């Protein structure tokens, strides 16, 4: 059985790390250990931020809906409660989009909600 050598596999691993470290600054791009650490940290941040992105967008939608509600003299929480009571099943993303692109339609929805709440 021939002796197995690992140089080609080792080089392949290093090339993979350097490819992922492309665009890094200074030694983090050229030095094997620094590049490996930088890539590991970058992957950790990207994993975390993919999940944070969803939270950030939901916060943005809530802020937009709240601002549009305040212009129509109702609080965000009363508006959401009224939507649930009246059986309107729109998510926050579409509500925020409606508030931004179609203020007249959003105002109509607020009027429906106010009627449902009896205010």
PDB file of N, CA and C in Angstrom:
ATOM      1  N   UNK A   1       0.841  -1.187   0.000  1.00  0.00           N
ATOM      2  CA  UNK A   1       0.000   0.000   0.000  1.00  0.00           C
ATOM      3  C   UNK A   1       0.883   1.246   0.000  1.00  0.00           C
ATOM      4  N   UNK A   2       0.602   2.194  -0.897  1.00  0.00           N
ATOM      5  CA  UNK A   2       1.463   3.369  -0.969  1.00  0.00           C
ATOM      6  C   UNK A   2       1.271   4.298   0.233  1.00  0.00           C
ATOM      7  N   UNK A   3       2.344   5.026   0.524  1.00  0.00           N
ATOM      8  CA  UNK A   3       2.292   5.977   1.631  1.00  0.00           C
ATOM      9  C   UNK A   3       1.406   7.153   1.244  1.00  0.00           C
ATOM     10  N   UNK A   4       0.502   7.543   2.171  1.00  0.00           N
ATOM     11  CA  UNK A   4      -0.395   8.656   1.841  1.00  0.00           C
ATOM     12  C   UNK A   4       0.247   9.961   2.302  1.00  0.00           C
ATOM     13  N   UNK A   5       0.132  10.972   1.476  1.00  0.00           N
ATOM     14  CA  UNK A   5       0.683  12.284   1.808  1.00  0.00           C
ATOM     15  C   UNK A   5      -0.467  13.284   1.873  1.00  0.00           C
ATOM     16  N   UNK A   6      -0.333  14.257   2.736  1.00  0.00           N
ATOM     17  CA  UNK A   6      -1.452  15.172   2.947  1.00  0.00           C
ATOM     18  C   UNK A   6      -1.206  16.565   2.380  1.00  0.00           C
ATOM     19  N   UNK A   7      -0.119  16.745   1.640  1.00  0.00           N
ATOM     20  CA  UNK A   7       0.209  18.100   1.211  1.00  0.00           C
ATOM     21  C   UNK A   7      -0.858  18.678   0.284  1.00  0.00           C
ATOM     22  N   UNK A   8      -1.399  17.890  -0.622  1.00  0.00           N
ATOM     23  CA  UNK A   8      -2.387  18.441  -1.549  1.00  0.00           C
ATOM     24  C   UNK A   8      -3.682  18.802  -0.806  1.00  0.00           C
ATOM     25  N   UNK A   9      -4.085  17.959   0.138  1.00  0.00           N
ATOM     26  CA  UNK A   9      -5.283  18.270   0.916  1.00  0.00           C
ATOM     27  C   UNK A   9      -5.064  19.489   1.805  1.00  0.00           C
ATOM     28  N   UNK A  10      -3.896  19.598   2.394  1.00  0.00           N
ATOM     29  CA  UNK A  10      -3.582  20.746   3.251  1.00  0.00           C
ATOM     30  C   UNK A  10      -3.635  22.028   2.431  1.00  0.00           C
ATOM     31  N   UNK A  11      -3.022  21.982   1.270  1.00  0.00           N
ATOM     32  CA  UNK A  11      -2.995  23.176   0.419  1.00  0.00           C
ATOM     33  C   UNK A  11      -4.420  23.548  -0.014  1.00  0.00           C
ATOM     34  N   UNK A  12      -5.244  22.542  -0.287  1.00  0.00           N
ATOM     35  CA  UNK A  12      -6.632  22.792  -0.686  1.00  0.00           C
ATOM     36  C   UNK A  12      -7.389  23.511   0.441  1.00  0.00           C
ATOM     37  N   UNK A  13      -7.164  23.075   1.688  1.00  0.00           N
ATOM     38  CA  UNK A  13      -7.822  23.716   2.830  1.00  0.00           C
ATOM     39  C   UNK A  13      -7.384  25.173   2.978  1.00  0.00           C
ATOM     40  N   UNK A  14      -6.069  25.393   2.819  1.00  0.00           N
ATOM     41  CA  UNK A  14      -5.534  26.751   2.965  1.00  0.00           C
ATOM     42  C   UNK A  14      -6.082  27.645   1.857  1.00  0.00           C
ATOM     43  N   UNK A  15      -6.127  27.128   0.637  1.00  0.00           N
ATOM     44  CA  UNK A  15      -6.653  27.915  -0.481  1.00  0.00           C
ATOM     45  C   UNK A  15      -8.119  28.275  -0.244  1.00  0.00           C
ATOM     46  N   UNK A  16      -8.863  27.349   0.339  1.00  0.00           N
ATOM     47  CA  UNK A  16     -10.269  27.599   0.641  1.00  0.00           C
ATOM     48  C   UNK A  16     -10.411  28.751   1.640  1.00  0.00           C
ATOM     49  N   UNK A  17      -9.564  28.732   2.675  1.00  0.00           N
ATOM     50  CA  UNK A  17      -9.593  29.803   3.684  1.00  0.00           C
ATOM     51  C   UNK A  17      -9.219  31.137   3.044  1.00  0.00           C
ATOM     52  N   UNK A  18      -8.148  31.147   2.234  1.00  0.00           N
ATOM     53  CA  UNK A  18      -7.724  32.392   1.598  1.00  0.00           C
ATOM     54  C   UNK A  18      -8.791  32.917   0.639  1.00  0.00           C
ATOM     55  N   UNK A  19      -9.474  32.028  -0.017  1.00  0.00           N
ATOM     56  CA  UNK A  19     -10.547  32.452  -0.927  1.00  0.00           C
ATOM     57  C   UNK A  19     -11.661  33.122  -0.139  1.00  0.00           C
ATOM     58  N   UNK A  20     -11.989  32.564   1.033  1.00  0.00           N
ATOM     59  CA  UNK A  20     -13.036  33.149   1.865  1.00  0.00           C
ATOM     60  C   UNK A  20     -12.583  34.461   2.508  1.00  0.00           C
ATOM     61  N   UNK A  21     -11.252  34.631   2.665  1.00  0.00           N
ATOM     62  CA  UNK A  21     -10.713  35.829   3.302  1.00  0.00           C
ATOM     63  C   UNK A  21     -10.460  36.953   2.303  1.00  0.00           C
ATOM     64  N   UNK A  22     -10.860  36.743   1.066  1.00  0.00           N
ATOM     65  CA  UNK A  22     -10.658  37.760   0.038  1.00  0.00           C
ATOM     66  C   UNK A  22     -11.389  39.037   0.437  1.00  0.00           C
ATOM     67  N   UNK A  23     -10.702  40.165   0.352  1.00  0.00           N
ATOM     68  CA  UNK A  23     -11.316  41.434   0.719  1.00  0.00           C
ATOM     69  C   UNK A  23     -11.026  41.841   2.156  1.00  0.00           C
ATOM     70  N   UNK A  24     -10.439  40.947   2.943  1.00  0.00           N
ATOM     71  CA  UNK A  24     -10.068  41.305   4.303  1.00  0.00           C
ATOM     72  C   UNK A  24      -8.884  42.257   4.252  1.00  0.00           C
ATOM     73  N   UNK A  25      -8.617  42.943   5.359  1.00  0.00           N
ATOM     74  CA  UNK A  25      -7.603  43.971   5.393  1.00  0.00           C
ATOM     75  C   UNK A  25      -6.299  43.418   5.962  1.00  0.00           C
ATOM     76  N   UNK A  26      -5.175  43.771   5.348  1.00  0.00           N
ATOM     77  CA  UNK A  26      -3.842  43.471   5.874  1.00  0.00           C
ATOM     78  C   UNK A  26      -3.547  41.992   5.987  1.00  0.00           C
ATOM     79  N   UNK A  27      -2.966  41.603   7.125  1.00  0.00           N
ATOM     80  CA  UNK A  27      -2.562  40.222   7.340  1.00  0.00           C
ATOM     81  C   UNK A  27      -3.726  39.257   7.408  1.00  0.00           C
ATOM     82  N   UNK A  28      -4.899  39.775   7.667  1.00  0.00           N
ATOM     83  CA  UNK A  28      -6.083  38.917   7.720  1.00  0.00           C
ATOM     84  C   UNK A  28      -6.393  38.303   6.362  1.00  0.00           C
ATOM     85  N   UNK A  29      -5.761  38.846   5.328  1.00  0.00           N
ATOM     86  CA  UNK A  29      -5.947  38.282   3.999  1.00  0.00           C
ATOM     87  C   UNK A  29      -4.780  37.370   3.611  1.00  0.00           C
ATOM     88  N   UNK A  30      -3.573  37.631   4.168  1.00  0.00           N
ATOM     89  CA  UNK A  30      -2.374  36.961   3.682  1.00  0.00           C
ATOM     90  C   UNK A  30      -1.768  35.928   4.627  1.00  0.00           C
ATOM     91  N   UNK A  31      -2.021  36.052   5.921  1.00  0.00           N
ATOM     92  CA  UNK A  31      -1.409  35.169   6.901  1.00  0.00           C
ATOM     93  C   UNK A  31      -2.406  34.062   7.252  1.00  0.00           C
ATOM     94  N   UNK A  32      -1.940  32.807   7.193  1.00  0.00           N
ATOM     95  CA  UNK A  32      -2.856  31.676   7.325  1.00  0.00           C
ATOM     96  C   UNK A  32      -3.645  31.702   8.638  1.00  0.00           C
ATOM     97  N   UNK A  33      -2.975  31.879   9.763  1.00  0.00           N
ATOM     98  CA  UNK A  33      -3.657  31.838  11.051  1.00  0.00           C
ATOM     99  C   UNK A  33      -4.634  33.008  11.196  1.00  0.00           C
ATOM    100  N   UNK A  34      -4.184  34.209  10.830  1.00  0.00           N
ATOM    101  CA  UNK A  34      -5.044  35.387  10.934  1.00  0.00           C
ATOM    102  C   UNK A  34      -6.248  35.265   9.991  1.00  0.00           C
ATOM    103  N   UNK A  35      -6.008  34.726   8.799  1.00  0.00           N
ATOM    104  CA  UNK A  35      -7.093  34.558   7.834  1.00  0.00           C
ATOM    105  C   UNK A  35      -8.117  33.565   8.358  1.00  0.00           C
ATOM    106  N   UNK A  36      -7.640  32.462   8.935  1.00  0.00           N
ATOM    107  CA  UNK A  36      -8.561  31.456   9.466  1.00  0.00           C
ATOM    108  C   UNK A  36      -9.426  32.047  10.584  1.00  0.00           C
ATOM    109  N   UNK A  37      -8.795  32.788  11.504  1.00  0.00           N
ATOM    110  CA  UNK A  37      -9.548  33.408  12.598  1.00  0.00           C
ATOM    111  C   UNK A  37     -10.551  34.429  12.069  1.00  0.00           C
ATOM    112  N   UNK A  38     -10.118  35.223  11.094  1.00  0.00           N
ATOM    113  CA  UNK A  38     -11.003  36.223  10.512  1.00  0.00           C
ATOM    114  C   UNK A  38     -12.196  35.595   9.827  1.00  0.00           C
ATOM    115  N   UNK A  39     -11.954  34.500   9.108  1.00  0.00           N
ATOM    116  CA  UNK A  39     -13.048  33.808   8.413  1.00  0.00           C
ATOM    117  C   UNK A  39     -14.015  33.212   9.427  1.00  0.00           C
ATOM    118  N   UNK A  40     -13.495  32.617  10.495  1.00  0.00           N
ATOM    119  CA  UNK A  40     -14.359  32.026  11.527  1.00  0.00           C
ATOM    120  C   UNK A  40     -15.247  33.103  12.142  1.00  0.00           C
ATOM    121  N   UNK A  41     -14.659  34.259  12.477  1.00  0.00           N
ATOM    122  CA  UNK A  41     -15.445  35.340  13.064  1.00  0.00           C
ATOM    123  C   UNK A  41     -16.465  35.888  12.065  1.00  0.00           C
ATOM    124  N   UNK A  42     -16.053  36.012  10.815  1.00  0.00           N
ATOM    125  CA  UNK A  42     -16.976  36.527   9.797  1.00  0.00           C
ATOM    126  C   UNK A  42     -18.170  35.596   9.633  1.00  0.00           C
ATOM    127  N   UNK A  43     -17.931  34.296   9.655  1.00  0.00           N
ATOM    128  CA  UNK A  43     -19.028  33.335   9.524  1.00  0.00           C
ATOM    129  C   UNK A  43     -19.964  33.386  10.732  1.00  0.00           C
ATOM    130  N   UNK A  44     -19.387  33.586  11.922  1.00  0.00           N
ATOM    131  CA  UNK A  44     -20.217  33.710  13.115  1.00  0.00           C
ATOM    132  C   UNK A  44     -21.111  34.943  13.035  1.00  0.00           C
ATOM    133  N   UNK A  45     -20.512  36.069  12.598  1.00  0.00           N
ATOM    134  CA  UNK A  45     -21.290  37.304  12.484  1.00  0.00           C
ATOM    135  C   UNK A  45     -22.385  37.169  11.438  1.00  0.00           C
ATOM    136  N   UNK A  46     -22.075  36.535  10.319  1.00  0.00           N
ATOM    137  CA  UNK A  46     -23.079  36.419   9.261  1.00  0.00           C
ATOM    138  C   UNK A  46     -24.231  35.517   9.711  1.00  0.00           C
ATOM    139  N   UNK A  47     -23.939  34.466  10.462  1.00  0.00           N
ATOM    140  CA  UNK A  47     -24.992  33.585  10.985  1.00  0.00           C
ATOM    141  C   UNK A  47     -25.898  34.371  11.931  1.00  0.00           C
ATOM    142  N   UNK A  48     -25.284  35.097  12.866  1.00  0.00           N
ATOM    143  CA  UNK A  48     -26.055  35.871  13.848  1.00  0.00           C
ATOM    144  C   UNK A  48     -26.890  36.945  13.147  1.00  0.00           C
ATOM    145  N   UNK A  49     -26.280  37.639  12.189  1.00  0.00           N
ATOM    146  CA  UNK A  49     -26.967  38.765  11.565  1.00  0.00           C
ATOM    147  C   UNK A  49     -28.068  38.335  10.604  1.00  0.00           C
ATOM    148  N   UNK A  50     -27.991  37.116  10.075  1.00  0.00           N
ATOM    149  CA  UNK A  50     -29.110  36.628   9.265  1.00  0.00           C
ATOM    150  C   UNK A  50     -30.364  36.506  10.114  1.00  0.00           C
ATOM    151  N   UNK A  51     -30.197  36.169  11.377  1.00  0.00           N
ATOM    152  CA  UNK A  51     -31.339  36.054  12.273  1.00  0.00           C
ATOM    153  C   UNK A  51     -31.755  37.420  12.818  1.00  0.00           C
ATOM    154  N   UNK A  52     -30.790  38.302  13.055  1.00  0.00           N
ATOM    155  CA  UNK A  52     -31.099  39.648  13.542  1.00  0.00           C
ATOM    156  C   UNK A  52     -31.826  40.468  12.480  1.00  0.00           C
ATOM    157  N   UNK A  53     -31.551  40.177  11.215  1.00  0.00           N
ATOM    158  CA  UNK A  53     -32.174  40.907  10.108  1.00  0.00           C
ATOM    159  C   UNK A  53     -33.691  40.829  10.200  1.00  0.00           C
ATOM    160  N   UNK A  54     -34.210  39.671  10.537  1.00  0.00           N
ATOM    161  CA  UNK A  54     -35.650  39.478  10.647  1.00  0.00           C
ATOM    162  C   UNK A  54     -36.219  40.337  11.780  1.00  0.00           C
ATOM    163  N   UNK A  55     -35.507  40.386  12.887  1.00  0.00           N
ATOM    164  CA  UNK A  55     -35.930  41.188  14.029  1.00  0.00           C
ATOM    165  C   UNK A  55     -35.880  42.677  13.688  1.00  0.00           C
ATOM    166  N   UNK A  56     -34.826  43.101  12.986  1.00  0.00           N
ATOM    167  CA  UNK A  56     -34.682  44.506  12.624  1.00  0.00           C
ATOM    168  C   UNK A  56     -35.802  44.959  11.689  1.00  0.00           C
ATOM    169  N   UNK A  57     -36.139  44.116  10.714  1.00  0.00           N
ATOM    170  CA  UNK A  57     -37.204  44.492   9.788  1.00  0.00           C
ATOM    171  C   UNK A  57     -38.552  44.581  10.494  1.00  0.00           C
ATOM    172  N   UNK A  58     -38.823  43.637  11.403  1.00  0.00           N
ATOM    173  CA  UNK A  58     -40.087  43.683  12.139  1.00  0.00           C
ATOM    174  C   UNK A  58     -40.173  44.975  12.949  1.00  0.00           C
ATOM    175  N   UNK A  59     -39.071  45.395  13.575  1.00  0.00           N
ATOM    176  CA  UNK A  59     -39.046  46.646  14.332  1.00  0.00           C
ATOM    177  C   UNK A  59     -39.330  47.840  13.420  1.00  0.00           C
ATOM    178  N   UNK A  60     -38.722  47.830  12.231  1.00  0.00           N
ATOM    179  CA  UNK A  60     -38.940  48.912  11.271  1.00  0.00           C
ATOM    180  C   UNK A  60     -40.408  48.988  10.858  1.00  0.00           C
ATOM    181  N   UNK A  61     -41.024  47.828  10.591  1.00  0.00           N
ATOM    182  CA  UNK A  61     -42.426  47.811  10.188  1.00  0.00           C
ATOM    183  C   UNK A  61     -43.314  48.359  11.295  1.00  0.00           C
ATOM    184  N   UNK A  62     -43.015  47.988  12.533  1.00  0.00           N
ATOM    185  CA  UNK A  62     -43.817  48.464  13.661  1.00  0.00           C
ATOM    186  C   UNK A  62     -43.695  49.977  13.812  1.00  0.00           C
ATOM    187  N   UNK A  63     -42.480  50.510  13.629  1.00  0.00           N
ATOM    188  CA  UNK A  63     -42.276  51.957  13.717  1.00  0.00           C
ATOM    189  C   UNK A  63     -43.083  52.673  12.640  1.00  0.00           C
ATOM    190  N   UNK A  64     -43.088  52.139  11.428  1.00  0.00           N
ATOM    191  CA  UNK A  64     -43.824  52.766  10.327  1.00  0.00           C
ATOM    192  C   UNK A  64     -45.332  52.717  10.566  1.00  0.00           C
ATOM    193  N   UNK A  65     -45.808  51.581  11.035  1.00  0.00           N
ATOM    194  CA  UNK A  65     -47.249  51.457  11.305  1.00  0.00           C
ATOM    195  C   UNK A  65     -47.649  52.414  12.425  1.00  0.00           C
ATOM    196  N   UNK A  66     -46.827  52.497  13.455  1.00  0.00           N
ATOM    197  CA  UNK A  66     -47.113  53.370  14.591  1.00  0.00           C
ATOM    198  C   UNK A  66     -47.178  54.824  14.138  1.00  0.00           C
ATOM    199  N   UNK A  67     -46.234  55.240  13.284  1.00  0.00           N
ATOM    200  CA  UNK A  67     -46.224  56.626  12.807  1.00  0.00           C
ATOM    201  C   UNK A  67     -47.500  56.919  12.019  1.00  0.00           C
ATOM    202  N   UNK A  68     -47.906  55.990  11.158  1.00  0.00           N
ATOM    203  CA  UNK A  68     -49.123  56.189  10.368  1.00  0.00           C
ATOM    204  C   UNK A  68     -50.361  56.186  11.263  1.00  0.00           C
ATOM    205  N   UNK A  69     -50.348  55.368  12.298  1.00  0.00           N
ATOM    206  CA  UNK A  69     -51.481  55.332  13.229  1.00  0.00           C
ATOM    207  C   UNK A  69     -51.597  56.657  13.975  1.00  0.00           C
ATOM    208  N   UNK A  70     -50.470  57.191  14.421  1.00  0.00           N
ATOM    209  CA  UNK A  70     -50.482  58.456  15.162  1.00  0.00           C
ATOM    210  C   UNK A  70     -51.029  59.595  14.305  1.00  0.00           C
ATOM    211  N   UNK A  71     -50.733  59.558  12.988  1.00  0.00           N
ATOM    212  CA  UNK A  71     -51.292  60.573  12.095  1.00  0.00           C
ATOM    213  C   UNK A  71     -52.811  60.457  12.023  1.00  0.00           C
ATOM    214  N   UNK A  72     -53.328  59.258  12.244  1.00  0.00           N
ATOM    215  CA  UNK A  72     -54.773  59.026  12.227  1.00  0.00           C
ATOM    216  C   UNK A  72     -55.373  58.978  13.629  1.00  0.00           C
ATOM    217  N   UNK A  73     -54.649  59.468  14.605  1.00  0.00           N
ATOM    218  CA  UNK A  73     -55.103  59.628  15.987  1.00  0.00           C
ATOM    219  C   UNK A  73     -55.561  58.337  16.652  1.00  0.00           C
ATOM    220  N   UNK A  74     -54.716  57.322  16.530  1.00  0.00           N
ATOM    221  CA  UNK A  74     -54.940  56.058  17.239  1.00  0.00           C
ATOM    222  C   UNK A  74     -53.566  55.495  17.588  1.00  0.00           C
ATOM    223  N   UNK A  75     -53.474  54.792  18.704  1.00  0.00           N
ATOM    224  CA  UNK A  75     -52.180  54.218  19.075  1.00  0.00           C
ATOM    225  C   UNK A  75     -51.973  52.889  18.337  1.00  0.00           C
ATOM    226  N   UNK A  76     -50.733  52.492  18.252  1.00  0.00           N
ATOM    227  CA  UNK A  76     -50.375  51.250  17.548  1.00  0.00           C
ATOM    228  C   UNK A  76     -51.066  50.045  18.187  1.00  0.00           C
ATOM    229  N   UNK A  77     -51.018  49.976  19.516  1.00  0.00           N
ATOM    230  CA  UNK A  77     -51.564  48.801  20.195  1.00  0.00           C
ATOM    231  C   UNK A  77     -53.078  48.712  20.018  1.00  0.00           C
ATOM    232  N   UNK A  78     -53.771  49.855  20.074  1.00  0.00           N
ATOM    233  CA  UNK A  78     -55.229  49.857  19.854  1.00  0.00           C
ATOM    234  C   UNK A  78     -55.549  49.463  18.414  1.00  0.00           C
ATOM    235  N   UNK A  79     -54.709  49.911  17.482  1.00  0.00           N
ATOM    236  CA  UNK A  79     -54.911  49.584  16.063  1.00  0.00           C
ATOM    237  C   UNK A  79     -54.785  48.080  15.825  1.00  0.00           C
ATOM    238  N   UNK A  80     -53.726  47.476  16.368  1.00  0.00           N
ATOM    239  CA  UNK A  80     -53.501  46.038  16.195  1.00  0.00           C
ATOM    240  C   UNK A  80     -54.631  45.245  16.867  1.00  0.00           C
ATOM    241  N   UNK A  81     -55.050  45.699  18.050  1.00  0.00           N
ATOM    242  CA  UNK A  81     -56.152  45.034  18.743  1.00  0.00           C
ATOM    243  C   UNK A  81     -57.436  45.118  17.918  1.00  0.00           C
ATOM    244  N   UNK A  82     -57.694  46.291  17.356  1.00  0.00           N
ATOM    245  CA  UNK A  82     -58.875  46.468  16.520  1.00  0.00           C
ATOM    246  C   UNK A  82     -58.836  45.616  15.260  1.00  0.00           C
ATOM    247  N   UNK A  83     -57.645  45.467  14.679  1.00  0.00           N
ATOM    248  CA  UNK A  83     -57.496  44.607  13.497  1.00  0.00           C
ATOM    249  C   UNK A  83     -57.870  43.166  13.844  1.00  0.00           C
ATOM    250  N   UNK A  84     -57.385  42.689  14.979  1.00  0.00           N
ATOM    251  CA  UNK A  84     -57.683  41.316  15.389  1.00  0.00           C
ATOM    252  C   UNK A  84     -59.172  41.132  15.653  1.00  0.00           C
ATOM    253  N   UNK A  85     -59.783  42.125  16.307  1.00  0.00           N
ATOM    254  CA  UNK A  85     -61.218  42.040  16.613  1.00  0.00           C
ATOM    255  C   UNK A  85     -62.068  42.033  15.347  1.00  0.00           C
ATOM    256  N   UNK A  86     -61.642  42.825  14.352  1.00  0.00           N
ATOM    257  CA  UNK A  86     -62.438  42.907  13.124  1.00  0.00           C
ATOM    258  C   UNK A  86     -62.098  41.797  12.135  1.00  0.00           C
ATOM    259  N   UNK A  87     -61.154  40.947  12.482  1.00  0.00           N
ATOM    260  CA  UNK A  87     -60.845  39.786  11.644  1.00  0.00           C
ATOM    261  C   UNK A  87     -60.005  40.098  10.418  1.00  0.00           C
ATOM    262  N   UNK A  88     -59.325  41.227  10.417  1.00  0.00           N
ATOM    263  CA  UNK A  88     -58.445  41.577   9.292  1.00  0.00           C
ATOM    264  C   UNK A  88     -57.107  40.891   9.528  1.00  0.00           C
ATOM    265  N   UNK A  89     -56.737  39.996   8.642  1.00  0.00           N
ATOM    266  CA  UNK A  89     -55.529  39.196   8.819  1.00  0.00           C
ATOM    267  C   UNK A  89     -54.404  39.685   7.910  1.00  0.00           C
ATOM    268  N   UNK A  90     -53.877  40.861   8.199  1.00  0.00           N
ATOM    269  CA  UNK A  90     -52.726  41.381   7.455  1.00  0.00           C
ATOM    270  C   UNK A  90     -51.516  41.382   8.374  1.00  0.00           C
ATOM    271  N   UNK A  91     -50.369  40.979   7.828  1.00  0.00           N
ATOM    272  CA  UNK A  91     -49.163  40.989   8.648  1.00  0.00           C
ATOM    273  C   UNK A  91     -48.563  42.394   8.697  1.00  0.00           C
ATOM    274  N   UNK A  92     -47.588  42.576   9.556  1.00  0.00           N
ATOM    275  CA  UNK A  92     -47.004  43.894   9.774  1.00  0.00           C
ATOM    276  C   UNK A  92     -46.254  44.392   8.536  1.00  0.00           C
ATOM    277  N   UNK A  93     -45.673  43.469   7.787  1.00  0.00           N
ATOM    278  CA  UNK A  93     -44.943  43.861   6.572  1.00  0.00           C
ATOM    279  C   UNK A  93     -45.894  44.529   5.580  1.00  0.00           C
ATOM    280  N   UNK A  94     -47.034  43.911   5.322  1.00  0.00           N
ATOM    281  CA  UNK A  94     -47.971  44.475   4.351  1.00  0.00           C
ATOM    282  C   UNK A  94     -48.649  45.733   4.910  1.00  0.00           C
ATOM    283  N   UNK A  95     -48.880  45.788   6.215  1.00  0.00           N
ATOM    284  CA  UNK A  95     -49.452  46.996   6.817  1.00  0.00           C
ATOM    285  C   UNK A  95     -48.497  48.179   6.686  1.00  0.00           C
ATOM    286  N   UNK A  96     -47.199  47.923   6.933  1.00  0.00           N
ATOM    287  CA  UNK A  96     -46.206  48.987   6.820  1.00  0.00           C
ATOM    288  C   UNK A  96     -46.087  49.462   5.377  1.00  0.00           C
ATOM    289  N   UNK A  97     -46.137  48.527   4.441  1.00  0.00           N
ATOM    290  CA  UNK A  97     -46.067  48.876   3.023  1.00  0.00           C
ATOM    291  C   UNK A  97     -47.284  49.707   2.631  1.00  0.00           C
ATOM    292  N   UNK A  98     -48.445  49.327   3.134  1.00  0.00           N
ATOM    293  CA  UNK A  98     -49.665  50.071   2.846  1.00  0.00           C
ATOM    294  C   UNK A  98     -49.591  51.479   3.435  1.00  0.00           C
ATOM    295  N   UNK A  99     -49.086  51.593   4.642  1.00  0.00           N
ATOM    296  CA  UNK A  99     -48.966  52.896   5.293  1.00  0.00           C
ATOM    297  C   UNK A  99     -48.025  53.810   4.517  1.00  0.00           C
ATOM    298  N   UNK A 100     -46.997  53.222   3.918  1.00  0.00           N
ATOM    299  CA  UNK A 100     -46.007  54.008   3.188  1.00  0.00           C
ATOM    300  C   UNK A 100     -46.487  54.374   1.787  1.00  0.00           C
ATOM    301  N   UNK A 101     -47.053  53.402   1.057  1.00  0.00           N
ATOM    302  CA  UNK A 101     -47.395  53.613  -0.352  1.00  0.00           C
ATOM    303  C   UNK A 101     -48.831  54.052  -0.598  1.00  0.00           C
ATOM    304  N   UNK A 102     -49.743  53.708   0.318  1.00  0.00           N
ATOM    305  CA  UNK A 102     -51.163  54.019   0.117  1.00  0.00           C
ATOM    306  C   UNK A 102     -51.761  54.584   1.405  1.00  0.00           C
ATOM    307  N   UNK A 103     -51.417  55.838   1.743  1.00  0.00           N
ATOM    308  CA  UNK A 103     -51.918  56.414   3.001  1.00  0.00           C
ATOM    309  C   UNK A 103     -53.445  56.508   3.055  1.00  0.00           C
ATOM    310  N   UNK A 104     -54.085  56.740   1.905  1.00  0.00           N
ATOM    311  CA  UNK A 104     -55.552  56.846   1.899  1.00  0.00           C
ATOM    312  C   UNK A 104     -56.186  55.502   2.257  1.00  0.00           C
ATOM    313  N   UNK A 105     -55.656  54.415   1.709  1.00  0.00           N
ATOM    314  CA  UNK A 105     -56.158  53.087   2.035  1.00  0.00           C
ATOM    315  C   UNK A 105     -55.924  52.739   3.491  1.00  0.00           C
ATOM    316  N   UNK A 106     -54.764  53.154   4.005  1.00  0.00           N
ATOM    317  CA  UNK A 106     -54.454  52.896   5.413  1.00  0.00           C
ATOM    318  C   UNK A 106     -55.418  53.667   6.310  1.00  0.00           C
ATOM    319  N   UNK A 107     -55.728  54.904   5.925  1.00  0.00           N
ATOM    320  CA  UNK A 107     -56.675  55.713   6.694  1.00  0.00           C
ATOM    321  C   UNK A 107     -58.049  55.047   6.706  1.00  0.00           C
ATOM    322  N   UNK A 108     -58.447  54.485   5.564  1.00  0.00           N
ATOM    323  CA  UNK A 108     -59.713  53.754   5.509  1.00  0.00           C
ATOM    324  C   UNK A 108     -59.727  52.571   6.451  1.00  0.00           C
ATOM    325  N   UNK A 109     -58.600  51.867   6.522  1.00  0.00           N
ATOM    326  CA  UNK A 109     -58.500  50.726   7.425  1.00  0.00           C
ATOM    327  C   UNK A 109     -58.578  51.183   8.878  1.00  0.00           C
ATOM    328  N   UNK A 110     -57.937  52.317   9.170  1.00  0.00           N
ATOM    329  CA  UNK A 110     -57.993  52.861  10.532  1.00  0.00           C
ATOM    330  C   UNK A 110     -59.435  53.209  10.886  1.00  0.00           C
ATOM    331  N   UNK A 111     -60.186  53.761   9.937  1.00  0.00           N
ATOM    332  CA  UNK A 111     -61.593  54.099  10.198  1.00  0.00           C
ATOM    333  C   UNK A 111     -62.405  52.831  10.521  1.00  0.00           C
ATOM    334  N   UNK A 112     -62.147  51.748   9.787  1.00  0.00           N
ATOM    335  CA  UNK A 112     -62.817  50.469  10.078  1.00  0.00           C
ATOM    336  C   UNK A 112     -62.500  49.997  11.502  1.00  0.00           C
ATOM    337  N   UNK A 113     -61.223  50.113  11.856  1.00  0.00           N
ATOM    338  CA  UNK A 113     -60.783  49.661  13.179  1.00  0.00           C
ATOM    339  C   UNK A 113     -61.426  50.507  14.275  1.00  0.00           C
ATOM    340  N   UNK A 114     -61.456  51.832  14.053  1.00  0.00           N
ATOM    341  CA  UNK A 114     -62.075  52.716  15.056  1.00  0.00           C
ATOM    342  C   UNK A 114     -63.552  52.391  15.227  1.00  0.00           C
ATOM    343  N   UNK A 115     -64.216  52.088  14.116  1.00  0.00           N
ATOM    344  CA  UNK A 115     -65.638  51.713  14.168  1.00  0.00           C
ATOM    345  C   UNK A 115     -65.815  50.434  14.981  1.00  0.00           C
ATOM    346  N   UNK A 116     -64.906  49.466  14.764  1.00  0.00           N
ATOM    347  CA  UNK A 116     -64.953  48.188  15.487  1.00  0.00           C
ATOM    348  C   UNK A 116     -64.731  48.397  16.984  1.00  0.00           C
ATOM    349  N   UNK A 117     -63.808  49.305  17.319  1.00  0.00           N
ATOM    350  CA  UNK A 117     -63.492  49.555  18.725  1.00  0.00           C
ATOM    351  C   UNK A 117     -64.552  50.429  19.392  1.00  0.00           C
ATOM    352  N   UNK A 118     -65.358  51.122  18.575  1.00  0.00           N
ATOM    353  CA  UNK A 118     -66.386  51.987  19.142  1.00  0.00           C
ATOM    354  C   UNK A 118     -65.844  53.313  19.619  1.00  0.00           C
ATOM    355  N   UNK A 119     -64.745  53.741  19.011  1.00  0.00           N
ATOM    356  CA  UNK A 119     -64.154  55.021  19.427  1.00  0.00           C
ATOM    357  C   UNK A 119     -64.448  56.117  18.447  1.00  0.00           C
TER     358      UNK A 119
END
